[in-house]
Amino acid sequence: MLLSAPWECASLEKLGDMDSVATPLWKGLRGRGCLWHRTSLDALRKIICDKQIIPNTGQFPTTTAQSTGSIARYISATSLFDFDTATEHEIYNQESKFSSVLTRYLPDVSILIGIKRDNIIESELLLPSEIHDCPRISALSEEDKLRLVYIPVVEALHLGPIQTSAFSSYIMTAFREGGGYHSHELGAASVADPVSVMLNIGGEWIADHHRRVKERHSRGEYTLAEMLEDIYARNNA
């Protein structure tokens, strides 16, 4: 992508501040009696086929730089969001650490699987405040503990597979161009093929996203990432 000068860096006000946009999303997940597992559409298809979420032992693709050092991977657990145990104030103070994990900016989308707390065996669940009491973690030196990555206050861990029978819903989300976010929820038992439904809806979101980006570019407004991409393309042309 080679941009036409002059450039104008689109402000966060125009594009949407990810951290503040995430607040109504996680607040909407509170009080529903669920823990939440974030995944992708491709991974959801496999989860439904396998009829379970399989713990992370390092077999999954690395999606962020922190993934290789995650506590979940270290103890072969499934990472979950817990938005009910802590106070809203405590969660808000950590929002910058999880907003980009909770969902993505279009054209990417995220899937949040709602998992009913009542269907989880208590002994297999580590709440955010209990993670460092796990024997495999507490046995580590303080230096080794600091190398492991987790999201304070909101990350819980499940030891062992989670059966799809424990699911209550699937929520597809994405931060959108211009601010705010898209969200579409399906009951876990409401449709036979939730992935196909979400692919169709996600396609509509992405088409709208490309239209909005095109309109912004027509005004000469570009994000910093787009500018850097352009500089890289020019330097390597």
Foldseek 3Di string as FASTA:
>chain_A
DAADDDADADDCLQFADLLVLCLVVLVVVEPPQWWKAKDALVVVVVCVVVQWDFFACPPDDDDDPQVVQAPSNVQRWGKIWDSYPDDSVVCSVLSVVCSCVRFEAPPGKMKIWTFHPVQADPVQKAALVRSCVPVVNVPDDPVSNVSHDDRHPTIMIGHGIGGLVRTFKMKMKHAAGRYHIDIDMDGSPRDPDVSVVVVVVSVVRNVVRVVSVVVCVVVNYDHPVVVVVNVVVVVVD
